[in-house]
C-alpha atoms as a PDB file:
ATOM      1  CA  UNK A   1      98.606 -88.658-159.971  1.00  0.00           C
ATOM      2  CA  UNK A   2      97.969 -88.883-156.472  1.00  0.00           C
ATOM      3  CA  UNK A   3      98.112 -85.535-154.618  1.00  0.00           C
ATOM      4  CA  UNK A   4      97.029 -83.957-151.358  1.00  0.00           C
ATOM      5  CA  UNK A   5      93.695 -81.913-151.862  1.00  0.00           C
ATOM      6  CA  UNK A   6      93.088 -81.194-148.196  1.00  0.00           C
ATOM      7  CA  UNK A   7      94.803 -80.822-144.720  1.00  0.00           C
ATOM      8  CA  UNK A   8      93.437 -80.882-141.201  1.00  0.00           C
ATOM      9  CA  UNK A   9      94.733 -80.255-137.598  1.00  0.00           C
ATOM     10  CA  UNK A  10      92.535 -79.952-134.483  1.00  0.00           C
ATOM     11  CA  UNK A  11      94.657 -78.559-131.463  1.00  0.00           C
ATOM     12  CA  UNK A  12      93.057 -80.653-128.806  1.00  0.00           C
ATOM     13  CA  UNK A  13      90.582 -83.689-128.490  1.00  0.00           C
ATOM     14  CA  UNK A  14      86.916 -82.858-129.645  1.00  0.00           C
ATOM     15  CA  UNK A  15      88.145 -79.281-131.102  1.00  0.00           C
ATOM     16  CA  UNK A  16      86.724 -79.199-134.664  1.00  0.00           C
ATOM     17  CA  UNK A  17      89.267 -79.817-137.283  1.00  0.00           C
ATOM     18  CA  UNK A  18      90.862 -76.530-138.879  1.00  0.00           C
ATOM     19  CA  UNK A  19      91.493 -76.271-142.746  1.00  0.00           C
ATOM     20  CA  UNK A  20      95.139 -75.393-143.621  1.00  0.00           C
ATOM     21  CA  UNK A  21      97.082 -74.893-146.480  1.00  0.00           C
ATOM     22  CA  UNK A  22     100.573 -76.192-145.231  1.00  0.00           C
ATOM     23  CA  UNK A  23     101.786 -78.007-142.303  1.00  0.00           C
ATOM     24  CA  UNK A  24     105.133 -79.099-140.772  1.00  0.00           C
ATOM     25  CA  UNK A  25     105.564 -82.726-140.539  1.00  0.00           C
ATOM     26  CA  UNK A  26     108.165 -83.713-137.827  1.00  0.00           C
ATOM     27  CA  UNK A  27     109.628 -87.129-137.746  1.00  0.00           C
ATOM     28  CA  UNK A  28     108.428 -89.685-134.923  1.00  0.00           C
ATOM     29  CA  UNK A  29     105.744 -87.170-133.611  1.00  0.00           C
ATOM     30  CA  UNK A  30     103.312 -86.218-136.577  1.00  0.00           C
ATOM     31  CA  UNK A  31     101.769 -82.964-137.343  1.00  0.00           C
ATOM     32  CA  UNK A  32     102.856 -79.693-135.525  1.00  0.00           C
ATOM     33  CA  UNK A  33     100.135 -78.425-133.603  1.00  0.00           C
ATOM     34  CA  UNK A  34      97.775 -81.599-134.381  1.00  0.00           C
ATOM     35  CA  UNK A  35      95.970 -82.742-130.928  1.00  0.00           C
ATOM     36  CA  UNK A  36      98.255 -86.429-131.205  1.00  0.00           C
ATOM     37  CA  UNK A  37     101.475 -84.097-131.899  1.00  0.00           C
ATOM     38  CA  UNK A  38     100.540 -82.417-128.556  1.00  0.00           C
ATOM     39  CA  UNK A  39      99.616 -84.911-126.679  1.00  0.00           C
ATOM     40  CA  UNK A  40      95.730 -83.786-126.340  1.00  0.00           C
ATOM     41  CA  UNK A  41      93.563 -86.300-128.694  1.00  0.00           C
ATOM     42  CA  UNK A  42      91.276 -87.910-127.380  1.00  0.00           C
ATOM     43  CA  UNK A  43      93.372 -91.555-127.646  1.00  0.00           C
ATOM     44  CA  UNK A  44      96.279 -90.231-126.056  1.00  0.00           C
ATOM     45  CA  UNK A  45      98.797 -91.655-125.211  1.00  0.00           C
ATOM     46  CA  UNK A  46      97.211 -95.039-125.831  1.00  0.00           C
ATOM     47  CA  UNK A  47      96.284 -95.222-129.289  1.00  0.00           C
ATOM     48  CA  UNK A  48      98.102 -92.621-131.552  1.00  0.00           C
ATOM     49  CA  UNK A  49      98.185 -92.296-135.054  1.00  0.00           C
ATOM     50  CA  UNK A  50     101.030 -89.528-135.822  1.00  0.00           C
ATOM     51  CA  UNK A  51      98.974 -88.737-139.255  1.00  0.00           C
ATOM     52  CA  UNK A  52      95.968 -89.928-140.774  1.00  0.00           C
ATOM     53  CA  UNK A  53      94.869 -89.867-144.257  1.00  0.00           C
ATOM     54  CA  UNK A  54      91.835 -90.668-146.181  1.00  0.00           C
ATOM     55  CA  UNK A  55      90.953 -90.457-149.711  1.00  0.00           C
ATOM     56  CA  UNK A  56      88.713 -87.775-151.100  1.00  0.00           C
ATOM     57  CA  UNK A  57      86.886 -90.484-153.263  1.00  0.00           C
ATOM     58  CA  UNK A  58      85.874 -91.907-150.216  1.00  0.00           C
ATOM     59  CA  UNK A  59      84.244 -88.697-148.575  1.00  0.00           C
ATOM     60  CA  UNK A  60      82.522 -88.363-152.156  1.00  0.00           C
ATOM     61  CA  UNK A  61      81.286 -91.439-151.644  1.00  0.00           C
ATOM     62  CA  UNK A  62      80.057 -91.027-148.258  1.00  0.00           C
ATOM     63  CA  UNK A  63      78.297 -87.589-149.140  1.00  0.00           C
ATOM     64  CA  UNK A  64      76.508 -89.334-152.605  1.00  0.00           C
ATOM     65  CA  UNK A  65      75.325 -92.036-150.359  1.00  0.00           C
ATOM     66  CA  UNK A  66      73.824 -90.179-147.403  1.00  0.00           C
ATOM     67  CA  UNK A  67      72.881 -86.958-145.623  1.00  0.00           C
ATOM     68  CA  UNK A  68      76.291 -86.009-144.686  1.00  0.00           C
ATOM     69  CA  UNK A  69      78.823 -83.973-145.677  1.00  0.00           C
ATOM     70  CA  UNK A  70      82.290 -84.474-144.734  1.00  0.00           C
ATOM     71  CA  UNK A  71      84.189 -82.289-146.678  1.00  0.00           C
ATOM     72  CA  UNK A  72      84.665 -79.649-143.571  1.00  0.00           C
ATOM     73  CA  UNK A  73      86.737 -82.338-141.515  1.00  0.00           C
ATOM     74  CA  UNK A  74      84.039 -84.022-140.024  1.00  0.00           C
ATOM     75  CA  UNK A  75      85.780 -87.427-141.166  1.00  0.00           C
ATOM     76  CA  UNK A  76      88.413 -86.396-138.160  1.00  0.00           C
ATOM     77  CA  UNK A  77      91.782 -87.255-140.216  1.00  0.00           C
ATOM     78  CA  UNK A  78      94.662 -84.848-141.493  1.00  0.00           C
ATOM     79  CA  UNK A  79      95.396 -85.408-145.089  1.00  0.00           C
ATOM     80  CA  UNK A  80      92.616 -86.066-147.688  1.00  0.00           C
ATOM     81  CA  UNK A  81      94.058 -87.234-150.996  1.00  0.00           C
ATOM     82  CA  UNK A  82      92.860 -87.696-154.530  1.00  0.00           C
ATOM     83  CA  UNK A  83      93.963 -90.475-156.863  1.00  0.00           C
ATOM     84  CA  UNK A  84      94.785 -93.282-154.680  1.00  0.00           C
ATOM     85  CA  UNK A  85      93.347 -95.614-152.303  1.00  0.00           C
ATOM     86  CA  UNK A  86      95.070 -95.026-148.972  1.00  0.00           C
ATOM     87  CA  UNK A  87      94.740 -98.443-148.087  1.00  0.00           C
ATOM     88  CA  UNK A  88      97.530 -98.893-150.781  1.00  0.00           C
ATOM     89  CA  UNK A  89     100.212 -97.231-149.017  1.00  0.00           C
ATOM     90  CA  UNK A  90     100.191 -99.387-145.937  1.00  0.00           C
ATOM     91  CA  UNK A  91     103.162-101.033-145.333  1.00  0.00           C
ATOM     92  CA  UNK A  92     105.028 -98.591-147.577  1.00  0.00           C
ATOM     93  CA  UNK A  93     107.154 -95.331-147.844  1.00  0.00           C
ATOM     94  CA  UNK A  94     105.538 -92.603-149.347  1.00  0.00           C
ATOM     95  CA  UNK A  95     106.802 -88.922-150.031  1.00  0.00           C
ATOM     96  CA  UNK A  96     104.411 -85.908-149.367  1.00  0.00           C
ATOM     97  CA  UNK A  97     105.809 -82.800-150.089  1.00  0.00           C
ATOM     98  CA  UNK A  98     109.328 -82.808-148.445  1.00  0.00           C
ATOM     99  CA  UNK A  99     107.954 -85.147-145.440  1.00  0.00           C
ATOM    100  CA  UNK A 100     108.485 -89.140-145.450  1.00  0.00           C
ATOM    101  CA  UNK A 101     105.923 -90.967-143.879  1.00  0.00           C
ATOM    102  CA  UNK A 102     105.258 -94.496-143.725  1.00  0.00           C
ATOM    103  CA  UNK A 103     101.841 -96.396-143.894  1.00  0.00           C
ATOM    104  CA  UNK A 104     101.233 -97.998-140.713  1.00  0.00           C
ATOM    105  CA  UNK A 105      97.663 -99.565-140.127  1.00  0.00           C
ATOM    106  CA  UNK A 106      94.082 -98.954-141.187  1.00  0.00           C
ATOM    107  CA  UNK A 107      92.168 -96.213-139.167  1.00  0.00           C
ATOM    108  CA  UNK A 108      88.597 -97.559-138.301  1.00  0.00           C
ATOM    109  CA  UNK A 109      85.820 -95.392-137.581  1.00  0.00           C
ATOM    110  CA  UNK A 110      84.918 -94.875-133.858  1.00  0.00           C
ATOM    111  CA  UNK A 111      81.774 -93.500-131.890  1.00  0.00           C
ATOM    112  CA  UNK A 112      83.990 -90.289-130.654  1.00  0.00           C
ATOM    113  CA  UNK A 113      83.788 -89.110-134.224  1.00  0.00           C
ATOM    114  CA  UNK A 114      79.975 -88.890-134.233  1.00  0.00           C
ATOM    115  CA  UNK A 115      80.157 -87.664-130.559  1.00  0.00           C
ATOM    116  CA  UNK A 116      82.528 -84.350-131.839  1.00  0.00           C
ATOM    117  CA  UNK A 117      80.676 -83.433-135.067  1.00  0.00           C
ATOM    118  CA  UNK A 118      77.260 -84.394-133.804  1.00  0.00           C
ATOM    119  CA  UNK A 119      76.134 -86.504-137.132  1.00  0.00           C
ATOM    120  CA  UNK A 120      74.599 -89.504-136.454  1.00  0.00           C
ATOM    121  CA  UNK A 121      75.740 -92.071-139.246  1.00  0.00           C
ATOM    122  CA  UNK A 122      79.431 -90.940-139.752  1.00  0.00           C
ATOM    123  CA  UNK A 123      81.004 -93.934-137.924  1.00  0.00           C
ATOM    124  CA  UNK A 124      78.998 -96.057-139.940  1.00  0.00           C
ATOM    125  CA  UNK A 125      79.693 -94.075-143.407  1.00  0.00           C
ATOM    126  CA  UNK A 126      83.370 -94.427-142.762  1.00  0.00           C
ATOM    127  CA  UNK A 127      83.305 -98.236-142.461  1.00  0.00           C
ATOM    128  CA  UNK A 128      83.808-100.626-145.171  1.00  0.00           C
ATOM    129  CA  UNK A 129      87.382 -99.681-145.907  1.00  0.00           C
ATOM    130  CA  UNK A 130      86.546 -95.720-146.068  1.00  0.00           C
ATOM    131  CA  UNK A 131      88.108 -94.938-142.425  1.00  0.00           C
ATOM    132  CA  UNK A 132      91.334 -94.114-143.880  1.00  0.00           C
ATOM    133  CA  UNK A 133      95.067 -95.261-142.374  1.00  0.00           C
ATOM    134  CA  UNK A 134      97.852 -94.323-140.123  1.00  0.00           C
ATOM    135  CA  UNK A 135     101.164 -93.180-141.038  1.00  0.00           C
ATOM    136  CA  UNK A 136     103.946 -92.491-139.347  1.00  0.00           C
ATOM    137  CA  UNK A 137     106.628 -89.363-139.940  1.00  0.00           C
ATOM    138  CA  UNK A 138     109.949 -91.158-141.324  1.00  0.00           C
ATOM    139  CA  UNK A 139     111.582 -87.695-142.168  1.00  0.00           C
ATOM    140  CA  UNK A 140     110.609 -84.414-141.313  1.00  0.00           C
ATOM    141  CA  UNK A 141     108.992 -81.657-144.017  1.00  0.00           C
ATOM    142  CA  UNK A 142     106.229 -79.542-144.738  1.00  0.00           C
ATOM    143  CA  UNK A 143     103.364 -80.884-146.649  1.00  0.00           C
ATOM    144  CA  UNK A 144     100.818 -78.574-148.306  1.00  0.00           C
ATOM    145  CA  UNK A 145      97.815 -78.814-150.262  1.00  0.00           C
ATOM    146  CA  UNK A 146      98.382 -79.807-153.729  1.00  0.00           C
ATOM    147  CA  UNK A 147     101.742 -81.798-153.030  1.00  0.00           C
ATOM    148  CA  UNK A 148     102.149 -85.033-154.941  1.00  0.00           C
ATOM    149  CA  UNK A 149     102.198 -88.355-153.301  1.00  0.00           C
ATOM    150  CA  UNK A 150     105.490 -89.916-155.092  1.00  0.00           C
ATOM    151  CA  UNK A 151     108.390 -92.391-154.032  1.00  0.00           C
ATOM    152  CA  UNK A 152     105.851 -94.994-152.903  1.00  0.00           C
ATOM    153  CA  UNK A 153     108.158 -98.235-152.070  1.00  0.00           C
ATOM    154  CA  UNK A 154     107.498-101.083-150.257  1.00  0.00           C
ATOM    155  CA  UNK A 155     108.604-102.036-146.939  1.00  0.00           C
ATOM    156  CA  UNK A 156     109.816-105.366-145.956  1.00  0.00           C
ATOM    157  CA  UNK A 157     110.375-105.774-142.510  1.00  0.00           C
ATOM    158  CA  UNK A 158     110.441-109.498-142.149  1.00  0.00           C
ATOM    159  CA  UNK A 159     113.812-109.435-143.579  1.00  0.00           C
ATOM    160  CA  UNK A 160     115.222-107.543-140.467  1.00  0.00           C
ATOM    161  CA  UNK A 161     113.294-109.388-138.281  1.00  0.00           C
ATOM    162  CA  UNK A 162     114.978-112.737-139.758  1.00  0.00           C
ATOM    163  CA  UNK A 163     118.101-111.076-139.471  1.00  0.00           C
ATOM    164  CA  UNK A 164     118.107-110.195-135.775  1.00  0.00           C
ATOM    165  CA  UNK A 165     116.682-113.780-134.689  1.00  0.00           C
ATOM    166  CA  UNK A 166     119.314-115.454-136.558  1.00  0.00           C
ATOM    167  CA  UNK A 167     121.989-113.340-134.990  1.00  0.00           C
ATOM    168  CA  UNK A 168     120.756-114.336-131.469  1.00  0.00           C
ATOM    169  CA  UNK A 169     120.354-118.296-132.066  1.00  0.00           C
ATOM    170  CA  UNK A 170     124.604-117.673-132.719  1.00  0.00           C
END
């Protein structure tokens, strides 16, 4: 079963990621006290991911293949999962703890991740589908280390778009 093995937040751009045991996810905002929730993220307000997820298996693979150790949040992602390829959550709604999230897009690595943690090769190591994804918070709730990732449901937004176009054509 897929579950959360680590949670991280950073209060502002370039601040170290802090490991937490639980966090409040707030609908349409993100994780309370995280840099993007606070509007102080490096890419705020232009490229905001409310929540970022990365597979623990990807971190393990990077650690085995390189001289890097990304276990303490150097990947700059909020939620570390185990037992699921986070890319399978794209275009899906899923529950973690009491919160309902929706996977929105891949989160490729950037040069800023290396500037912040001063480890050469982090951005390169996170490429090849290992950089994780972005998700929006649909319903507020508590997320804790150990929570299962459940109720995974595909989102088909094309139907609602087609319905809107048809209603405008009438």
